[in-house]
Amino acid sequence: MKYSTIMYDAYGTLFDLRSVEGALSEYYPQQSASIGQLWRKKQIEYAFTVQMSGSYRPFSVITEEALRTALYAETGSTAADAVNRGMRAYEKLSLFPESAPVLQQLNGPLHMIVSNGSRDMLEPLIEQSAVAPEIDRIVSVDDIKQYKPSSAAYYHAMREAGVSRSSILFVSSNTWDIIGAKTFGFDTLWISRDKAAFESVPVQPDYIAEDLHFLTELFAD
């Protein structure tokens, strides 16, 4: 296998963002799913907005702002207890069922997390998870204040890996992340858990799979 390094996006790729709904349901049992979905949508929008406007703020700040927006839009309230509980839930997201077993089976490549998350979010999340022993390096874009899909973010990750583009496989469930990584020059694996089609754009992933089990097949070849 030509890849010496696998770079994983964290949110939605290794960790299931839907797990925040459990925390939100303590306060809003009927609206937890819609709040969670809008929260993620606004989180991404805010990251893109600050990237394009040059007004960088850490992902932890953006995530709380997005939660407040989602709560107010869905409930008319931004209760402090609900905000605090939601933010704490981001440090205890559930892994997808295959995340830990797959990484445990892949003994050869270097495993890196490359995320828009700031370290105050990422490090507690990973440390409490079953993939912690398998992760060789955590790369946060907060170190350079450039959000993915900026090419600077992928260049930073490549420098941290210390290998060439051709040695890296980039794995994400986010289409915008795959487009950014592929445009930069990484080979990419898009995880489409809902079996959706990729965006109708010129840049396409090298591989598409329903979950991370595909990696064990790829590296077995």
N, C-alpha and C. Protein backbone atom coordinates (compact mmCIF):
# COMPACT_ATOMS: atom_id res chain seq x y z
N MET A 1 0.85 -1.20 0.00
CA MET A 1 0.00 0.00 0.00
C MET A 1 0.88 1.25 0.00
N LYS A 2 0.56 2.16 -0.89
CA LYS A 2 1.42 3.35 -1.08
C LYS A 2 1.25 4.39 0.01
N TYR A 3 0.19 4.31 0.83
CA TYR A 3 -0.07 5.34 1.82
C TYR A 3 0.62 5.00 3.14
N SER A 4 1.48 5.90 3.57
CA SER A 4 2.13 5.72 4.87
C SER A 4 1.39 6.45 5.98
N THR A 5 0.47 7.34 5.60
CA THR A 5 -0.24 8.18 6.56
C THR A 5 -1.71 8.27 6.20
N ILE A 6 -2.56 8.08 7.20
CA ILE A 6 -4.00 8.31 7.03
C ILE A 6 -4.38 9.50 7.89
N MET A 7 -4.98 10.50 7.27
CA MET A 7 -5.48 11.66 7.98
C MET A 7 -7.00 11.56 8.07
N TYR A 8 -7.51 11.67 9.27
CA TYR A 8 -8.95 11.55 9.51
C TYR A 8 -9.51 12.89 9.98
N ASP A 9 -10.60 13.31 9.37
CA ASP A 9 -11.40 14.35 9.98
C ASP A 9 -12.03 13.74 11.23
N ALA A 10 -12.28 14.56 12.23
CA ALA A 10 -12.83 14.03 13.49
C ALA A 10 -14.35 14.02 13.50
N TYR A 11 -14.95 15.20 13.31
CA TYR A 11 -16.39 15.36 13.52
C TYR A 11 -17.19 14.82 12.34
N GLY A 12 -17.96 13.79 12.61
CA GLY A 12 -18.78 13.17 11.56
C GLY A 12 -18.08 12.06 10.82
N THR A 13 -16.77 11.90 11.05
CA THR A 13 -16.00 10.85 10.37
C THR A 13 -15.63 9.74 11.35
N LEU A 14 -14.93 10.10 12.42
CA LEU A 14 -14.67 9.14 13.50
C LEU A 14 -15.72 9.24 14.60
N PHE A 15 -16.19 10.46 14.85
CA PHE A 15 -17.12 10.71 15.95
C PHE A 15 -18.49 11.10 15.41
N ASP A 16 -19.53 10.55 16.04
CA ASP A 16 -20.91 10.74 15.60
C ASP A 16 -21.49 11.99 16.24
N LEU A 17 -21.74 13.01 15.44
CA LEU A 17 -22.27 14.27 15.95
C LEU A 17 -23.70 14.14 16.47
N ARG A 18 -24.39 13.11 16.04
CA ARG A 18 -25.76 12.93 16.51
C ARG A 18 -25.81 12.62 18.00
N SER A 19 -24.67 12.24 18.56
CA SER A 19 -24.68 11.90 19.99
C SER A 19 -24.92 13.12 20.88
N VAL A 20 -24.80 14.34 20.34
CA VAL A 20 -25.11 15.52 21.16
C VAL A 20 -26.61 15.62 21.42
N GLU A 21 -27.39 14.93 20.61
CA GLU A 21 -28.84 15.02 20.77
C GLU A 21 -29.29 14.48 22.12
N GLY A 22 -28.54 13.52 22.66
CA GLY A 22 -28.89 12.99 23.98
C GLY A 22 -28.81 14.06 25.05
N ALA A 23 -27.77 14.89 25.00
CA ALA A 23 -27.64 15.97 25.96
C ALA A 23 -28.74 17.02 25.76
N LEU A 24 -29.01 17.35 24.51
CA LEU A 24 -30.03 18.36 24.22
C LEU A 24 -31.42 17.89 24.60
N SER A 25 -31.66 16.58 24.50
CA SER A 25 -33.00 16.05 24.78
C SER A 25 -33.37 16.18 26.25
N GLU A 26 -32.38 16.37 27.13
CA GLU A 26 -32.68 16.59 28.54
C GLU A 26 -33.46 17.89 28.73
N TYR A 27 -33.25 18.82 27.85
CA TYR A 27 -33.92 20.13 27.94
C TYR A 27 -35.04 20.26 26.91
N TYR A 28 -34.82 19.72 25.73
CA TYR A 28 -35.78 19.87 24.64
C TYR A 28 -36.00 18.52 23.96
N PRO A 29 -36.75 17.62 24.61
CA PRO A 29 -36.89 16.25 24.09
C PRO A 29 -37.51 16.16 22.70
N GLN A 30 -38.37 17.10 22.35
CA GLN A 30 -39.03 17.06 21.06
C GLN A 30 -38.22 17.74 19.96
N GLN A 31 -37.24 18.52 20.34
CA GLN A 31 -36.53 19.33 19.35
C GLN A 31 -35.03 19.03 19.27
N SER A 32 -34.59 18.01 19.98
CA SER A 32 -33.15 17.76 20.06
C SER A 32 -32.53 17.48 18.70
N ALA A 33 -33.23 16.74 17.84
CA ALA A 33 -32.68 16.42 16.53
C ALA A 33 -32.58 17.67 15.65
N SER A 34 -33.61 18.48 15.65
CA SER A 34 -33.59 19.68 14.80
C SER A 34 -32.57 20.69 15.32
N ILE A 35 -32.42 20.78 16.63
CA ILE A 35 -31.40 21.68 17.19
C ILE A 35 -30.01 21.19 16.79
N GLY A 36 -29.79 19.88 16.92
CA GLY A 36 -28.49 19.32 16.57
C GLY A 36 -28.12 19.54 15.12
N GLN A 37 -29.09 19.37 14.24
CA GLN A 37 -28.83 19.54 12.80
C GLN A 37 -28.54 21.00 12.47
N LEU A 38 -29.31 21.92 13.04
CA LEU A 38 -29.09 23.34 12.78
C LEU A 38 -27.77 23.80 13.41
N TRP A 39 -27.45 23.25 14.56
CA TRP A 39 -26.20 23.57 15.23
C TRP A 39 -25.01 23.26 14.32
N ARG A 40 -25.00 22.07 13.75
CA ARG A 40 -23.90 21.69 12.86
C ARG A 40 -23.87 22.57 11.61
N LYS A 41 -25.04 22.85 11.04
CA LYS A 41 -25.12 23.68 9.85
C LYS A 41 -24.53 25.07 10.13
N LYS A 42 -24.92 25.67 11.23
CA LYS A 42 -24.42 27.01 11.57
C LYS A 42 -22.94 26.98 11.94
N GLN A 43 -22.51 25.92 12.58
CA GLN A 43 -21.10 25.78 12.94
C GLN A 43 -20.22 25.84 11.69
N ILE A 44 -20.60 25.09 10.67
CA ILE A 44 -19.84 25.09 9.42
C ILE A 44 -19.94 26.45 8.73
N GLU A 45 -21.15 27.02 8.68
CA GLU A 45 -21.32 28.33 8.05
C GLU A 45 -20.44 29.38 8.73
N TYR A 46 -20.41 29.38 10.04
CA TYR A 46 -19.62 30.38 10.77
C TYR A 46 -18.13 30.20 10.51
N ALA A 47 -17.68 28.95 10.46
CA ALA A 47 -16.26 28.70 10.18
C ALA A 47 -15.89 29.21 8.79
N PHE A 48 -16.75 28.93 7.81
CA PHE A 48 -16.49 29.41 6.45
C PHE A 48 -16.51 30.93 6.40
N THR A 49 -17.44 31.54 7.13
CA THR A 49 -17.57 33.00 7.10
C THR A 49 -16.33 33.68 7.67
N VAL A 50 -15.85 33.19 8.82
CA VAL A 50 -14.68 33.83 9.41
C VAL A 50 -13.43 33.57 8.58
N GLN A 51 -13.39 32.41 7.92
CA GLN A 51 -12.24 32.13 7.05
C GLN A 51 -12.21 33.10 5.88
N MET A 52 -13.35 33.30 5.25
CA MET A 52 -13.40 34.16 4.07
C MET A 52 -13.26 35.64 4.43
N SER A 53 -13.70 36.00 5.61
CA SER A 53 -13.65 37.41 6.00
C SER A 53 -12.36 37.79 6.72
N GLY A 54 -11.54 36.78 7.03
CA GLY A 54 -10.29 37.05 7.72
C GLY A 54 -10.48 37.46 9.17
N SER A 55 -11.56 36.99 9.79
CA SER A 55 -11.86 37.36 11.18
C SER A 55 -11.85 36.12 12.07
N TYR A 56 -10.76 35.38 12.05
CA TYR A 56 -10.65 34.09 12.70
C TYR A 56 -11.07 34.13 14.17
N ARG A 57 -11.86 33.12 14.56
CA ARG A 57 -12.17 32.85 15.96
C ARG A 57 -12.03 31.35 16.17
N PRO A 58 -11.58 30.90 17.34
CA PRO A 58 -11.40 29.47 17.58
C PRO A 58 -12.71 28.70 17.41
N PHE A 59 -12.58 27.43 17.06
CA PHE A 59 -13.75 26.61 16.78
C PHE A 59 -14.62 26.44 18.01
N SER A 60 -14.03 26.44 19.19
CA SER A 60 -14.83 26.33 20.41
C SER A 60 -15.76 27.54 20.55
N VAL A 61 -15.27 28.72 20.17
CA VAL A 61 -16.08 29.93 20.23
C VAL A 61 -17.19 29.87 19.19
N ILE A 62 -16.82 29.49 17.97
CA ILE A 62 -17.79 29.38 16.89
C ILE A 62 -18.87 28.35 17.22
N THR A 63 -18.44 27.24 17.81
CA THR A 63 -19.39 26.17 18.15
C THR A 63 -20.41 26.64 19.16
N GLU A 64 -19.98 27.41 20.15
CA GLU A 64 -20.94 27.93 21.13
C GLU A 64 -21.86 28.97 20.49
N GLU A 65 -21.32 29.80 19.63
CA GLU A 65 -22.17 30.78 18.94
C GLU A 65 -23.22 30.08 18.09
N ALA A 66 -22.81 29.02 17.40
CA ALA A 66 -23.74 28.27 16.55
C ALA A 66 -24.82 27.59 17.38
N LEU A 67 -24.43 27.08 18.55
CA LEU A 67 -25.42 26.44 19.44
C LEU A 67 -26.44 27.46 19.92
N ARG A 68 -25.98 28.62 20.29
CA ARG A 68 -26.92 29.65 20.75
C ARG A 68 -27.90 30.04 19.64
N THR A 69 -27.37 30.14 18.42
CA THR A 69 -28.24 30.46 17.28
C THR A 69 -29.27 29.37 17.08
N ALA A 70 -28.84 28.11 17.12
CA ALA A 70 -29.74 26.98 16.88
C ALA A 70 -30.80 26.89 17.98
N LEU A 71 -30.38 27.06 19.22
CA LEU A 71 -31.33 27.00 20.33
C LEU A 71 -32.39 28.09 20.21
N TYR A 72 -31.95 29.30 19.90
CA TYR A 72 -32.92 30.39 19.80
C TYR A 72 -33.88 30.19 18.63
N ALA A 73 -33.34 29.71 17.50
CA ALA A 73 -34.18 29.50 16.32
C ALA A 73 -35.22 28.41 16.56
N GLU A 74 -34.85 27.38 17.31
CA GLU A 74 -35.75 26.24 17.49
C GLU A 74 -36.63 26.34 18.73
N THR A 75 -36.17 27.10 19.75
CA THR A 75 -36.90 27.13 21.02
C THR A 75 -37.23 28.53 21.51
N GLY A 76 -36.58 29.55 20.94
CA GLY A 76 -36.78 30.91 21.42
C GLY A 76 -36.03 31.21 22.70
N SER A 77 -35.12 30.31 23.07
CA SER A 77 -34.37 30.48 24.31
C SER A 77 -32.90 30.12 24.10
N THR A 78 -32.04 30.73 24.89
CA THR A 78 -30.62 30.34 24.92
C THR A 78 -30.22 30.09 26.37
N ALA A 79 -30.96 29.23 27.03
CA ALA A 79 -30.73 28.94 28.45
C ALA A 79 -29.29 28.52 28.68
N ALA A 80 -28.67 29.11 29.69
CA ALA A 80 -27.25 28.85 29.97
C ALA A 80 -27.00 27.38 30.26
N ASP A 81 -27.89 26.73 30.98
CA ASP A 81 -27.70 25.32 31.32
C ASP A 81 -27.67 24.46 30.06
N ALA A 82 -28.55 24.75 29.11
CA ALA A 82 -28.60 23.98 27.87
C ALA A 82 -27.35 24.21 27.04
N VAL A 83 -26.88 25.46 27.00
CA VAL A 83 -25.65 25.78 26.26
C VAL A 83 -24.47 25.04 26.87
N ASN A 84 -24.33 25.11 28.18
CA ASN A 84 -23.22 24.45 28.85
C ASN A 84 -23.27 22.95 28.68
N ARG A 85 -24.46 22.38 28.77
CA ARG A 85 -24.60 20.93 28.62
C ARG A 85 -24.26 20.53 27.19
N GLY A 86 -24.69 21.31 26.22
CA GLY A 86 -24.39 20.99 24.82
C GLY A 86 -22.90 21.06 24.54
N MET A 87 -22.24 22.07 25.06
CA MET A 87 -20.80 22.21 24.82
C MET A 87 -20.02 21.08 25.49
N ARG A 88 -20.42 20.68 26.68
CA ARG A 88 -19.75 19.55 27.34
C ARG A 88 -19.94 18.27 26.55
N ALA A 89 -21.10 18.15 25.91
CA ALA A 89 -21.37 16.94 25.12
C ALA A 89 -20.40 16.79 23.96
N TYR A 90 -19.89 17.92 23.45
CA TYR A 90 -18.93 17.88 22.35
C TYR A 90 -17.59 17.27 22.76
N GLU A 91 -17.33 17.22 24.05
CA GLU A 91 -16.11 16.60 24.54
C GLU A 91 -16.30 15.11 24.82
N LYS A 92 -17.53 14.62 24.62
CA LYS A 92 -17.83 13.21 24.90
C LYS A 92 -18.64 12.59 23.77
N LEU A 93 -18.38 13.03 22.56
CA LEU A 93 -19.09 12.46 21.42
C LEU A 93 -18.81 10.96 21.32
N SER A 94 -19.81 10.23 20.86
CA SER A 94 -19.64 8.79 20.66
C SER A 94 -18.88 8.53 19.36
N LEU A 95 -18.04 7.52 19.38
CA LEU A 95 -17.42 7.05 18.15
C LEU A 95 -18.44 6.29 17.32
N PHE A 96 -18.27 6.30 16.02
CA PHE A 96 -19.03 5.37 15.20
C PHE A 96 -18.58 3.96 15.57
N PRO A 97 -19.47 2.97 15.45
CA PRO A 97 -19.15 1.63 15.96
C PRO A 97 -17.87 1.03 15.42
N GLU A 98 -17.53 1.32 14.17
CA GLU A 98 -16.35 0.68 13.57
C GLU A 98 -15.07 1.49 13.73
N SER A 99 -15.16 2.71 14.27
CA SER A 99 -13.98 3.58 14.31
C SER A 99 -12.81 2.94 15.04
N ALA A 100 -13.02 2.53 16.27
CA ALA A 100 -11.92 1.95 17.05
C ALA A 100 -11.45 0.62 16.48
N PRO A 101 -12.34 -0.32 16.15
CA PRO A 101 -11.87 -1.60 15.60
C PRO A 101 -11.06 -1.45 14.31
N VAL A 102 -11.47 -0.56 13.43
CA VAL A 102 -10.74 -0.38 12.18
C VAL A 102 -9.36 0.19 12.44
N LEU A 103 -9.26 1.22 13.25
CA LEU A 103 -7.96 1.82 13.52
C LEU A 103 -7.03 0.82 14.23
N GLN A 104 -7.61 -0.01 15.07
CA GLN A 104 -6.81 -1.02 15.77
C GLN A 104 -6.24 -2.06 14.80
N GLN A 105 -6.97 -2.32 13.73
CA GLN A 105 -6.50 -3.31 12.75
C GLN A 105 -5.43 -2.76 11.83
N LEU A 106 -5.42 -1.44 11.64
CA LEU A 106 -4.48 -0.83 10.70
C LEU A 106 -3.19 -0.46 11.43
N ASN A 107 -2.29 -1.38 11.53
CA ASN A 107 -1.08 -1.17 12.32
C ASN A 107 0.03 -0.46 11.55
N GLY A 108 -0.04 -0.48 10.23
CA GLY A 108 1.07 0.05 9.44
C GLY A 108 1.14 1.56 9.35
N PRO A 109 0.07 2.22 8.89
CA PRO A 109 0.15 3.67 8.63
C PRO A 109 0.12 4.52 9.90
N LEU A 110 0.65 5.72 9.77
CA LEU A 110 0.53 6.73 10.82
C LEU A 110 -0.91 7.24 10.81
N HIS A 111 -1.53 7.31 11.99
CA HIS A 111 -2.90 7.80 12.11
C HIS A 111 -2.88 9.23 12.65
N MET A 112 -3.42 10.16 11.87
CA MET A 112 -3.49 11.55 12.28
C MET A 112 -4.93 12.06 12.23
N ILE A 113 -5.30 12.84 13.21
CA ILE A 113 -6.56 13.58 13.14
C ILE A 113 -6.23 15.00 12.68
N VAL A 114 -6.93 15.44 11.64
CA VAL A 114 -6.76 16.79 11.09
C VAL A 114 -8.13 17.45 11.14
N SER A 115 -8.27 18.41 12.02
CA SER A 115 -9.61 18.91 12.32
C SER A 115 -9.64 20.43 12.42
N ASN A 116 -10.83 20.98 12.13
CA ASN A 116 -11.08 22.40 12.40
C ASN A 116 -11.25 22.66 13.89
N GLY A 117 -11.44 21.62 14.65
CA GLY A 117 -11.62 21.78 16.09
C GLY A 117 -10.40 22.39 16.75
N SER A 118 -10.64 23.25 17.73
CA SER A 118 -9.53 23.80 18.51
C SER A 118 -9.10 22.75 19.54
N ARG A 119 -7.89 22.88 20.03
CA ARG A 119 -7.34 21.84 20.91
C ARG A 119 -8.13 21.69 22.21
N ASP A 120 -8.74 22.78 22.69
CA ASP A 120 -9.53 22.66 23.91
C ASP A 120 -10.79 21.83 23.70
N MET A 121 -11.17 21.59 22.44
CA MET A 121 -12.27 20.68 22.13
C MET A 121 -11.75 19.29 21.76
N LEU A 122 -10.71 19.26 20.93
CA LEU A 122 -10.24 17.99 20.39
C LEU A 122 -9.57 17.10 21.43
N GLU A 123 -8.68 17.68 22.21
CA GLU A 123 -7.88 16.85 23.10
C GLU A 123 -8.71 16.13 24.17
N PRO A 124 -9.66 16.80 24.84
CA PRO A 124 -10.51 16.06 25.78
C PRO A 124 -11.35 14.99 25.09
N LEU A 125 -11.84 15.29 23.89
CA LEU A 125 -12.65 14.33 23.15
C LEU A 125 -11.86 13.07 22.83
N ILE A 126 -10.67 13.23 22.30
CA ILE A 126 -9.88 12.08 21.89
C ILE A 126 -9.35 11.31 23.09
N GLU A 127 -8.94 12.02 24.12
CA GLU A 127 -8.38 11.35 25.29
C GLU A 127 -9.37 10.42 25.96
N GLN A 128 -10.66 10.74 25.92
CA GLN A 128 -11.65 9.90 26.58
C GLN A 128 -12.18 8.78 25.69
N SER A 129 -11.70 8.74 24.46
CA SER A 129 -12.26 7.80 23.49
C SER A 129 -11.41 6.55 23.33
N ALA A 130 -12.01 5.53 22.73
CA ALA A 130 -11.32 4.26 22.52
C ALA A 130 -10.27 4.33 21.42
N VAL A 131 -10.26 5.40 20.62
CA VAL A 131 -9.25 5.52 19.56
C VAL A 131 -7.99 6.22 20.06
N ALA A 132 -7.99 6.71 21.29
CA ALA A 132 -6.84 7.46 21.79
C ALA A 132 -5.52 6.72 21.62
N PRO A 133 -5.44 5.41 21.92
CA PRO A 133 -4.16 4.72 21.77
C PRO A 133 -3.70 4.59 20.32
N GLU A 134 -4.62 4.74 19.37
CA GLU A 134 -4.30 4.53 17.96
C GLU A 134 -3.90 5.83 17.26
N ILE A 135 -4.20 6.97 17.84
CA ILE A 135 -3.92 8.25 17.20
C ILE A 135 -2.48 8.68 17.48
N ASP A 136 -1.72 8.82 16.43
CA ASP A 136 -0.32 9.20 16.56
C ASP A 136 -0.12 10.70 16.66
N ARG A 137 -1.02 11.47 16.06
CA ARG A 137 -0.84 12.91 16.06
C ARG A 137 -2.19 13.61 15.88
N ILE A 138 -2.36 14.71 16.59
CA ILE A 138 -3.55 15.54 16.44
C ILE A 138 -3.13 16.87 15.83
N VAL A 139 -3.72 17.22 14.70
CA VAL A 139 -3.43 18.49 14.05
C VAL A 139 -4.69 19.34 14.08
N SER A 140 -4.59 20.48 14.72
CA SER A 140 -5.68 21.45 14.77
C SER A 140 -5.34 22.64 13.89
N VAL A 141 -6.30 23.08 13.11
CA VAL A 141 -6.06 24.26 12.27
C VAL A 141 -5.91 25.51 13.12
N ASP A 142 -6.29 25.43 14.38
CA ASP A 142 -6.14 26.57 15.28
C ASP A 142 -4.67 26.97 15.41
N ASP A 143 -3.77 26.02 15.15
CA ASP A 143 -2.34 26.32 15.24
C ASP A 143 -1.90 27.36 14.20
N ILE A 144 -2.62 27.40 13.07
CA ILE A 144 -2.26 28.35 12.02
C ILE A 144 -3.39 29.32 11.69
N LYS A 145 -4.52 29.16 12.38
CA LYS A 145 -5.67 30.08 12.23
C LYS A 145 -6.21 30.09 10.79
N GLN A 146 -6.27 28.90 10.18
CA GLN A 146 -6.78 28.75 8.82
C GLN A 146 -7.67 27.52 8.77
N TYR A 147 -8.97 27.74 8.60
CA TYR A 147 -9.91 26.63 8.59
C TYR A 147 -9.86 25.84 7.29
N LYS A 148 -10.04 24.53 7.39
CA LYS A 148 -10.33 23.75 6.20
C LYS A 148 -11.65 24.26 5.62
N PRO A 149 -11.78 24.30 4.30
CA PRO A 149 -10.95 23.70 3.26
C PRO A 149 -9.88 24.61 2.67
N SER A 150 -9.35 25.55 3.44
CA SER A 150 -8.23 26.36 2.97
C SER A 150 -7.04 25.46 2.67
N SER A 151 -6.35 25.72 1.57
CA SER A 151 -5.17 24.91 1.23
C SER A 151 -4.10 25.00 2.30
N ALA A 152 -4.06 26.13 3.02
CA ALA A 152 -3.07 26.29 4.08
C ALA A 152 -3.26 25.25 5.19
N ALA A 153 -4.50 24.86 5.44
CA ALA A 153 -4.78 23.87 6.49
C ALA A 153 -4.21 22.51 6.10
N TYR A 154 -4.40 22.12 4.84
CA TYR A 154 -3.89 20.81 4.40
C TYR A 154 -2.37 20.83 4.28
N TYR A 155 -1.82 21.96 3.90
CA TYR A 155 -0.36 22.08 3.83
C TYR A 155 0.24 21.95 5.22
N HIS A 156 -0.40 22.57 6.19
CA HIS A 156 0.06 22.45 7.58
C HIS A 156 0.04 21.00 8.03
N ALA A 157 -1.04 20.30 7.71
CA ALA A 157 -1.14 18.89 8.10
C ALA A 157 -0.05 18.06 7.43
N MET A 158 0.22 18.34 6.17
CA MET A 158 1.25 17.59 5.45
C MET A 158 2.62 17.83 6.08
N ARG A 159 2.89 19.06 6.44
CA ARG A 159 4.17 19.37 7.08
C ARG A 159 4.29 18.67 8.43
N GLU A 160 3.21 18.59 9.16
CA GLU A 160 3.22 17.90 10.44
C GLU A 160 3.46 16.40 10.25
N ALA A 161 2.95 15.86 9.15
CA ALA A 161 3.16 14.44 8.87
C ALA A 161 4.59 14.16 8.42
N GLY A 162 5.20 15.14 7.75
CA GLY A 162 6.56 14.98 7.29
C GLY A 162 6.71 14.04 6.12
N VAL A 163 5.64 13.93 5.32
CA VAL A 163 5.68 13.05 4.14
C VAL A 163 5.12 13.82 2.95
N SER A 164 5.23 13.24 1.77
CA SER A 164 4.74 13.88 0.56
C SER A 164 3.23 13.69 0.41
N ARG A 165 2.63 14.48 -0.47
CA ARG A 165 1.21 14.35 -0.74
C ARG A 165 0.82 12.94 -1.14
N SER A 166 1.64 12.32 -1.98
CA SER A 166 1.30 11.01 -2.53
C SER A 166 1.30 9.90 -1.48
N SER A 167 1.84 10.18 -0.30
CA SER A 167 1.89 9.18 0.77
C SER A 167 0.70 9.28 1.72
N ILE A 168 -0.19 10.23 1.45
CA ILE A 168 -1.28 10.53 2.38
C ILE A 168 -2.63 10.13 1.79
N LEU A 169 -3.45 9.48 2.61
CA LEU A 169 -4.86 9.26 2.30
C LEU A 169 -5.67 10.08 3.28
N PHE A 170 -6.52 10.95 2.76
CA PHE A 170 -7.33 11.83 3.59
C PHE A 170 -8.76 11.30 3.64
N VAL A 171 -9.30 11.14 4.85
CA VAL A 171 -10.60 10.51 5.05
C VAL A 171 -11.55 11.48 5.73
N SER A 172 -12.71 11.69 5.13
CA SER A 172 -13.70 12.60 5.71
C SER A 172 -15.10 12.22 5.24
N SER A 173 -16.07 12.57 6.06
CA SER A 173 -17.47 12.41 5.67
C SER A 173 -18.05 13.70 5.12
N ASN A 174 -17.26 14.77 5.15
CA ASN A 174 -17.73 16.07 4.69
C ASN A 174 -17.29 16.32 3.24
N THR A 175 -18.23 16.58 2.38
CA THR A 175 -17.89 16.76 0.97
C THR A 175 -16.96 17.96 0.76
N TRP A 176 -17.19 19.05 1.48
CA TRP A 176 -16.34 20.23 1.32
C TRP A 176 -14.90 19.93 1.74
N ASP A 177 -14.74 19.05 2.72
CA ASP A 177 -13.41 18.66 3.20
C ASP A 177 -12.70 17.79 2.16
N ILE A 178 -13.45 16.89 1.57
CA ILE A 178 -12.89 16.05 0.50
C ILE A 178 -12.48 16.90 -0.69
N ILE A 179 -13.32 17.86 -1.06
CA ILE A 179 -12.99 18.74 -2.19
C ILE A 179 -11.72 19.54 -1.89
N GLY A 180 -11.63 20.07 -0.68
CA GLY A 180 -10.44 20.83 -0.30
C GLY A 180 -9.19 19.98 -0.30
N ALA A 181 -9.26 18.79 0.29
CA ALA A 181 -8.09 17.91 0.37
C ALA A 181 -7.67 17.41 -1.00
N LYS A 182 -8.65 17.05 -1.82
CA LYS A 182 -8.33 16.55 -3.17
C LYS A 182 -7.75 17.67 -4.02
N THR A 183 -8.29 18.86 -3.93
CA THR A 183 -7.76 20.00 -4.66
C THR A 183 -6.32 20.29 -4.26
N PHE A 184 -6.02 20.10 -2.98
CA PHE A 184 -4.66 20.31 -2.50
C PHE A 184 -3.69 19.26 -3.04
N GLY A 185 -4.21 18.07 -3.33
CA GLY A 185 -3.36 17.03 -3.89
C GLY A 185 -3.33 15.72 -3.14
N PHE A 186 -4.15 15.59 -2.09
CA PHE A 186 -4.24 14.33 -1.37
C PHE A 186 -5.16 13.36 -2.10
N ASP A 187 -4.89 12.07 -2.02
CA ASP A 187 -5.89 11.08 -2.35
C ASP A 187 -6.92 11.08 -1.23
N THR A 188 -8.17 10.83 -1.57
CA THR A 188 -9.24 11.02 -0.59
C THR A 188 -10.20 9.83 -0.56
N LEU A 189 -10.72 9.59 0.63
CA LEU A 189 -11.80 8.62 0.84
C LEU A 189 -12.96 9.36 1.48
N TRP A 190 -14.09 9.36 0.77
CA TRP A 190 -15.30 10.00 1.30
C TRP A 190 -16.16 8.92 1.96
N ILE A 191 -16.52 9.15 3.22
CA ILE A 191 -17.41 8.25 3.95
C ILE A 191 -18.83 8.77 3.82
N SER A 192 -19.64 8.03 3.07
CA SER A 192 -21.03 8.41 2.83
C SER A 192 -21.93 7.45 3.60
N ARG A 193 -22.16 7.75 4.87
CA ARG A 193 -22.91 6.83 5.72
C ARG A 193 -24.38 6.72 5.33
N ASP A 194 -24.90 7.75 4.69
CA ASP A 194 -26.30 7.68 4.26
C ASP A 194 -26.42 7.25 2.79
N LYS A 195 -25.30 6.79 2.22
CA LYS A 195 -25.27 6.28 0.84
C LYS A 195 -25.67 7.34 -0.18
N ALA A 196 -25.42 8.59 0.14
CA ALA A 196 -25.74 9.68 -0.79
C ALA A 196 -24.71 9.74 -1.91
N ALA A 197 -25.09 10.42 -2.98
CA ALA A 197 -24.15 10.67 -4.08
C ALA A 197 -23.28 11.87 -3.73
N PHE A 198 -22.07 11.89 -4.27
CA PHE A 198 -21.19 13.03 -4.03
C PHE A 198 -21.68 14.23 -4.81
N GLU A 199 -21.15 15.40 -4.46
CA GLU A 199 -21.54 16.63 -5.14
C GLU A 199 -21.23 16.56 -6.63
N SER A 200 -22.06 17.24 -7.42
CA SER A 200 -21.85 17.27 -8.88
C SER A 200 -20.88 18.38 -9.24
N VAL A 201 -19.63 18.15 -8.89
CA VAL A 201 -18.56 19.11 -9.13
C VAL A 201 -17.39 18.38 -9.78
N PRO A 202 -16.48 19.12 -10.41
CA PRO A 202 -15.36 18.46 -11.09
C PRO A 202 -14.45 17.65 -10.17
N VAL A 203 -14.26 18.11 -8.94
CA VAL A 203 -13.36 17.42 -8.00
C VAL A 203 -14.13 16.29 -7.33
N GLN A 204 -13.65 15.08 -7.49
CA GLN A 204 -14.32 13.90 -6.95
C GLN A 204 -13.35 13.10 -6.07
N PRO A 205 -13.88 12.37 -5.08
CA PRO A 205 -13.01 11.55 -4.23
C PRO A 205 -12.41 10.38 -5.00
N ASP A 206 -11.28 9.89 -4.52
CA ASP A 206 -10.67 8.70 -5.13
C ASP A 206 -11.43 7.44 -4.75
N TYR A 207 -11.96 7.44 -3.55
CA TYR A 207 -12.71 6.28 -3.05
C TYR A 207 -13.96 6.77 -2.34
N ILE A 208 -15.00 5.96 -2.39
CA ILE A 208 -16.25 6.23 -1.67
C ILE A 208 -16.64 4.96 -0.93
N ALA A 209 -17.00 5.10 0.34
CA ALA A 209 -17.42 3.93 1.12
C ALA A 209 -18.51 4.33 2.10
N GLU A 210 -19.26 3.33 2.57
CA GLU A 210 -20.34 3.59 3.51
C GLU A 210 -19.83 3.76 4.93
N ASP A 211 -18.66 3.19 5.24
CA ASP A 211 -18.08 3.35 6.57
C ASP A 211 -16.59 3.08 6.50
N LEU A 212 -15.95 3.10 7.64
CA LEU A 212 -14.49 2.99 7.69
C LEU A 212 -13.97 1.58 7.45
N HIS A 213 -14.83 0.59 7.43
CA HIS A 213 -14.39 -0.78 7.16
C HIS A 213 -13.65 -0.87 5.82
N PHE A 214 -13.97 0.03 4.92
CA PHE A 214 -13.32 0.04 3.61
C PHE A 214 -11.80 0.13 3.75
N LEU A 215 -11.33 0.80 4.78
CA LEU A 215 -9.88 0.97 4.96
C LEU A 215 -9.17 -0.36 5.16
N THR A 216 -9.79 -1.27 5.88
CA THR A 216 -9.15 -2.58 6.10
C THR A 216 -9.06 -3.35 4.79
N GLU A 217 -10.04 -3.18 3.92
CA GLU A 217 -9.99 -3.83 2.60
C GLU A 217 -8.92 -3.17 1.73
N LEU A 218 -8.86 -1.85 1.78
CA LEU A 218 -7.90 -1.12 0.95
C LEU A 218 -6.48 -1.47 1.34
N PHE A 219 -6.21 -1.53 2.64
CA PHE A 219 -4.85 -1.78 3.09
C PHE A 219 -4.50 -3.28 3.09
N ALA A 220 -5.49 -4.11 2.82
CA ALA A 220 -5.21 -5.53 2.69
C ALA A 220 -4.71 -5.87 1.29
N ASP A 221 -4.95 -4.96 0.32
CA ASP A 221 -4.55 -5.21 -1.07
C ASP A 221 -3.04 -5.10 -1.24
